[in-house]
Amino acid sequence: MRSPAVIVDACRSPVGLRHGALSGWHPVDLAGAVLDALARRTGIDPATVDEVVLGCATLVGDQGCNPARSAVLAAGWPESVPATTLDRQGASSLQAVAVAAQAIAAGSCDVVVAGGVEVSTTTPAGAWVEPGS
């Protein structure tokens, strides 16, 4: 029997403009602050989180590698909490939520945190475009 996936809470950072008030924030620190706030608001023990899935449309520069994993550590969550970052361009965060729901429905996870991270100031415009394309 499939487990229903439910959204327990939603938490996000403020929205800012490129080179605006949030431009000094590193993407990992911003995502880590959101994870920390989510844990405090819900009262969930981060050690009970089976997976963190974050979407990021521009995995270059400060957002390169696996910002979801780095955000888990920046939030002070246990090293045992796995995290993955995925890229589906404009639908990365939505895809992260879909992956989380699928993991719960399949019974492979009970608690999944899904969302996205993007700080446009730290990402060169057009960084994902191949030269000459």
Foldseek 3Di string as FASTA:
>chain_A
DFDFDDDDDDWADDDADQVGPCLVPQQLLRLLVRVLVVCVVVVDQLVQAQEEEAEDAAQDFSNNDFSQLSSCVSNVHDNPHYYGYDHPHPCRQVVQVVVVRVCRRVVVHPHYHTGYTDRPNRGPVPPVPDPPD
